[in-house]
Amino acid sequence: MVTISKVFEFSACHTLARPDWTLGQNQSKFGKCANPNGHGHNYKLEVTVGGSLDPETGMLIDTKELQKLVDKEILSELDHKNLNLDVSWLEGKLPTTEILVDEIYKRIEAPLKKAASNCKLSKVVLWETNKIFATREES
């Protein structure tokens, strides 16, 4: 199987705090990430697709199409947003890096299949900082 990856960037803020916990409990578990006013990140998103090459183009997918898909399904929804308040598909979820990468994967899996039938979503990596990232791979 051949894979190709594309990297995207977006900025967003969030607060890590369970609403059913006290401020003290949240601060004890999540530290400064539980700041009630939130904190921001410049995220890096890596999307990897794999499959068989299109014999006519020699590509898995036109990366311009992948860009359009990720722009529509992810970046337009997350860039410069408050992940706790502005993103309907994260409602009721704690916007940790692990949950975000899982939700992003689920959100782009089906549209990708429609855009390029010869390939499928292989892996999504979300970098929250240059030291912290989460990965969701095909099962």
C-alpha atoms as a PDB file:
ATOM      1  CA  MET A   1       0.000   0.000   0.000  1.00  0.00           C
ATOM      2  CA  VAL A   2       1.192   3.511  -0.844  1.00  0.00           C
ATOM      3  CA  THR A   3       0.430   6.427   1.463  1.00  0.00           C
ATOM      4  CA  ILE A   4       0.569  10.179   1.127  1.00  0.00           C
ATOM      5  CA  SER A   5       0.296  12.728   3.913  1.00  0.00           C
ATOM      6  CA  LYS A   6      -0.611  16.384   4.004  1.00  0.00           C
ATOM      7  CA  VAL A   7      -0.058  18.778   6.895  1.00  0.00           C
ATOM      8  CA  PHE A   8      -2.489  21.506   7.963  1.00  0.00           C
ATOM      9  CA  GLU A   9      -2.410  24.124  10.710  1.00  0.00           C
ATOM     10  CA  PHE A  10      -5.068  25.823  12.788  1.00  0.00           C
ATOM     11  CA  SER A  11      -5.280  27.869  15.961  1.00  0.00           C
ATOM     12  CA  ALA A  12      -7.903  27.290  18.625  1.00  0.00           C
ATOM     13  CA  CYS A  13      -8.489  27.640  22.339  1.00  0.00           C
ATOM     14  CA  HIS A  14     -10.040  25.345  24.886  1.00  0.00           C
ATOM     15  CA  THR A  15     -10.436  24.627  28.566  1.00  0.00           C
ATOM     16  CA  LEU A  16      -9.975  21.194  30.042  1.00  0.00           C
ATOM     17  CA  ALA A  17     -12.521  20.994  32.823  1.00  0.00           C
ATOM     18  CA  ARG A  18     -15.336  18.635  33.643  1.00  0.00           C
ATOM     19  CA  PRO A  19     -18.530  20.558  34.408  1.00  0.00           C
ATOM     20  CA  ASP A  20     -19.459  18.079  37.139  1.00  0.00           C
ATOM     21  CA  TRP A  21     -16.200  18.752  39.032  1.00  0.00           C
ATOM     22  CA  THR A  22     -15.273  21.709  41.214  1.00  0.00           C
ATOM     23  CA  LEU A  23     -12.651  24.200  40.085  1.00  0.00           C
ATOM     24  CA  GLY A  24     -10.272  22.614  42.597  1.00  0.00           C
ATOM     25  CA  GLN A  25     -10.834  19.109  41.218  1.00  0.00           C
ATOM     26  CA  ASN A  26     -10.312  20.331  37.658  1.00  0.00           C
ATOM     27  CA  GLN A  27      -7.160  22.243  38.550  1.00  0.00           C
ATOM     28  CA  SER A  28      -5.830  19.238  40.422  1.00  0.00           C
ATOM     29  CA  LYS A  29      -6.337  16.963  37.416  1.00  0.00           C
ATOM     30  CA  PHE A  30      -5.764  19.299  34.452  1.00  0.00           C
ATOM     31  CA  GLY A  31      -3.476  21.948  35.986  1.00  0.00           C
ATOM     32  CA  LYS A  32      -3.257  25.239  34.122  1.00  0.00           C
ATOM     33  CA  CYS A  33      -5.285  23.692  31.271  1.00  0.00           C
ATOM     34  CA  ALA A  34      -8.337  24.051  33.548  1.00  0.00           C
ATOM     35  CA  ASN A  35      -8.108  27.848  33.409  1.00  0.00           C
ATOM     36  CA  PRO A  36     -11.791  28.942  33.200  1.00  0.00           C
ATOM     37  CA  ASN A  37     -10.863  31.553  30.560  1.00  0.00           C
ATOM     38  CA  GLY A  38      -9.151  28.943  28.397  1.00  0.00           C
ATOM     39  CA  HIS A  39      -5.806  28.773  26.689  1.00  0.00           C
ATOM     40  CA  GLY A  40      -4.755  28.486  23.068  1.00  0.00           C
ATOM     41  CA  HIS A  41      -2.693  26.274  20.794  1.00  0.00           C
ATOM     42  CA  ASN A  42      -1.330  26.401  17.290  1.00  0.00           C
ATOM     43  CA  TYR A  43      -2.234  22.883  16.216  1.00  0.00           C
ATOM     44  CA  LYS A  44      -0.598  20.900  13.419  1.00  0.00           C
ATOM     45  CA  LEU A  45      -2.767  18.259  11.759  1.00  0.00           C
ATOM     46  CA  GLU A  46      -1.284  15.463   9.626  1.00  0.00           C
ATOM     47  CA  VAL A  47      -3.694  13.484   7.447  1.00  0.00           C
ATOM     48  CA  THR A  48      -2.424  10.289   5.799  1.00  0.00           C
ATOM     49  CA  VAL A  49      -4.343   8.369   3.147  1.00  0.00           C
ATOM     50  CA  GLY A  50      -3.368   5.024   1.666  1.00  0.00           C
ATOM     51  CA  GLY A  51      -4.439   2.684  -1.067  1.00  0.00           C
ATOM     52  CA  SER A  52      -3.773   1.911  -4.680  1.00  0.00           C
ATOM     53  CA  LEU A  53      -2.540   4.409  -7.217  1.00  0.00           C
ATOM     54  CA  ASP A  54      -4.912   5.674  -9.872  1.00  0.00           C
ATOM     55  CA  PRO A  55      -3.402   4.295 -13.107  1.00  0.00           C
ATOM     56  CA  GLU A  56      -4.368   7.423 -15.056  1.00  0.00           C
ATOM     57  CA  THR A  57      -2.831   9.970 -12.678  1.00  0.00           C
ATOM     58  CA  GLY A  58      -0.286   7.974 -10.671  1.00  0.00           C
ATOM     59  CA  MET A  59      -1.788   9.510  -7.509  1.00  0.00           C
ATOM     60  CA  LEU A  60      -3.828   8.243  -4.587  1.00  0.00           C
ATOM     61  CA  ILE A  61      -5.725  11.498  -4.395  1.00  0.00           C
ATOM     62  CA  ASP A  62      -5.313  14.950  -5.832  1.00  0.00           C
ATOM     63  CA  THR A  63      -3.924  16.823  -2.825  1.00  0.00           C
ATOM     64  CA  LYS A  64      -5.985  19.875  -3.839  1.00  0.00           C
ATOM     65  CA  GLU A  65      -9.089  17.724  -3.236  1.00  0.00           C
ATOM     66  CA  LEU A  66      -7.721  16.608   0.120  1.00  0.00           C
ATOM     67  CA  GLN A  67      -7.123  20.268   0.984  1.00  0.00           C
ATOM     68  CA  LYS A  68     -10.720  21.175   0.082  1.00  0.00           C
ATOM     69  CA  LEU A  69     -12.079  18.275   2.144  1.00  0.00           C
ATOM     70  CA  VAL A  70     -10.051  19.142   5.245  1.00  0.00           C
ATOM     71  CA  ASP A  71     -10.803  22.863   4.826  1.00  0.00           C
ATOM     72  CA  LYS A  72     -14.539  22.166   4.714  1.00  0.00           C
ATOM     73  CA  GLU A  73     -14.855  19.431   7.347  1.00  0.00           C
ATOM     74  CA  ILE A  74     -12.168  20.493   9.835  1.00  0.00           C
ATOM     75  CA  LEU A  75     -10.391  23.809   9.408  1.00  0.00           C
ATOM     76  CA  SER A  76     -13.510  25.905   8.816  1.00  0.00           C
ATOM     77  CA  GLU A  77     -14.971  24.380  11.973  1.00  0.00           C
ATOM     78  CA  LEU A  78     -11.925  24.626  14.267  1.00  0.00           C
ATOM     79  CA  ASP A  79      -9.645  27.469  13.164  1.00  0.00           C
ATOM     80  CA  HIS A  80      -9.763  30.449  15.535  1.00  0.00           C
ATOM     81  CA  LYS A  81     -12.578  28.883  17.539  1.00  0.00           C
ATOM     82  CA  ASN A  82     -13.214  28.042  21.157  1.00  0.00           C
ATOM     83  CA  LEU A  83     -13.428  24.259  21.052  1.00  0.00           C
ATOM     84  CA  ASN A  84     -15.641  24.155  24.146  1.00  0.00           C
ATOM     85  CA  LEU A  85     -18.196  26.653  22.843  1.00  0.00           C
ATOM     86  CA  ASP A  86     -18.068  27.015  19.056  1.00  0.00           C
ATOM     87  CA  VAL A  87     -17.866  23.485  17.629  1.00  0.00           C
ATOM     88  CA  SER A  88     -21.177  21.613  17.580  1.00  0.00           C
ATOM     89  CA  TRP A  89     -19.608  18.194  16.930  1.00  0.00           C
ATOM     90  CA  LEU A  90     -17.516  18.556  20.091  1.00  0.00           C
ATOM     91  CA  GLU A  91     -20.472  19.525  22.262  1.00  0.00           C
ATOM     92  CA  GLY A  92     -20.463  17.594  25.531  1.00  0.00           C
ATOM     93  CA  LYS A  93     -16.936  16.298  24.922  1.00  0.00           C
ATOM     94  CA  LEU A  94     -13.782  17.323  26.743  1.00  0.00           C
ATOM     95  CA  PRO A  95     -11.586  18.725  23.936  1.00  0.00           C
ATOM     96  CA  THR A  96      -8.390  16.842  24.768  1.00  0.00           C
ATOM     97  CA  THR A  97      -5.937  16.139  21.973  1.00  0.00           C
ATOM     98  CA  GLU A  98      -6.965  12.476  22.055  1.00  0.00           C
ATOM     99  CA  ILE A  99     -10.665  13.242  21.672  1.00  0.00           C
ATOM    100  CA  LEU A 100      -9.961  15.831  18.979  1.00  0.00           C
ATOM    101  CA  VAL A 101      -7.899  13.451  16.842  1.00  0.00           C
ATOM    102  CA  ASP A 102     -10.567  10.755  17.171  1.00  0.00           C
ATOM    103  CA  GLU A 103     -13.387  13.140  16.213  1.00  0.00           C
ATOM    104  CA  ILE A 104     -11.390  14.580  13.291  1.00  0.00           C
ATOM    105  CA  TYR A 105     -10.735  11.061  11.988  1.00  0.00           C
ATOM    106  CA  LYS A 106     -14.424  10.159  12.167  1.00  0.00           C
ATOM    107  CA  ARG A 107     -15.412  13.444  10.531  1.00  0.00           C
ATOM    108  CA  ILE A 108     -13.240  13.035   7.428  1.00  0.00           C
ATOM    109  CA  GLU A 109     -13.366   9.255   6.926  1.00  0.00           C
ATOM    110  CA  ALA A 110     -16.638   9.096   4.933  1.00  0.00           C
ATOM    111  CA  PRO A 111     -16.100  12.226   2.785  1.00  0.00           C
ATOM    112  CA  LEU A 112     -12.669  10.895   1.826  1.00  0.00           C
ATOM    113  CA  LYS A 113     -14.172   7.605   0.616  1.00  0.00           C
ATOM    114  CA  LYS A 114     -16.527   9.604  -1.611  1.00  0.00           C
ATOM    115  CA  ALA A 115     -13.747  11.849  -2.933  1.00  0.00           C
ATOM    116  CA  ALA A 116     -11.312   9.052  -3.813  1.00  0.00           C
ATOM    117  CA  SER A 117     -12.665   5.504  -3.980  1.00  0.00           C
ATOM    118  CA  ASN A 118      -9.180   4.022  -4.499  1.00  0.00           C
ATOM    119  CA  CYS A 119      -7.926   5.183  -1.096  1.00  0.00           C
ATOM    120  CA  LYS A 120      -8.942   5.339   2.532  1.00  0.00           C
ATOM    121  CA  LEU A 121      -7.990   7.291   5.589  1.00  0.00           C
ATOM    122  CA  SER A 122      -4.948   5.639   7.103  1.00  0.00           C
ATOM    123  CA  LYS A 123      -3.866   7.902   9.946  1.00  0.00           C
ATOM    124  CA  VAL A 124      -4.516  11.278  11.532  1.00  0.00           C
ATOM    125  CA  VAL A 125      -1.951  12.881  13.833  1.00  0.00           C
ATOM    126  CA  LEU A 126      -2.772  16.008  15.813  1.00  0.00           C
ATOM    127  CA  TRP A 127       0.074  18.004  17.349  1.00  0.00           C
ATOM    128  CA  GLU A 128      -1.089  20.217  20.221  1.00  0.00           C
ATOM    129  CA  THR A 129       2.450  21.455  20.926  1.00  0.00           C
ATOM    130  CA  ASN A 130       5.845  20.487  19.552  1.00  0.00           C
ATOM    131  CA  LYS A 131       6.046  17.923  22.379  1.00  0.00           C
ATOM    132  CA  ILE A 132       2.478  16.580  22.604  1.00  0.00           C
ATOM    133  CA  PHE A 133       0.551  14.790  19.881  1.00  0.00           C
ATOM    134  CA  ALA A 134      -2.132  12.110  19.501  1.00  0.00           C
ATOM    135  CA  THR A 135      -2.635   9.620  16.689  1.00  0.00           C
ATOM    136  CA  ARG A 136      -5.686   7.775  15.359  1.00  0.00           C
ATOM    137  CA  GLU A 137      -5.005   5.015  12.851  1.00  0.00           C
ATOM    138  CA  GLU A 138      -7.339   2.840  10.836  1.00  0.00           C
ATOM    139  CA  SER A 139      -8.469  -0.173  12.803  1.00  0.00           C
END
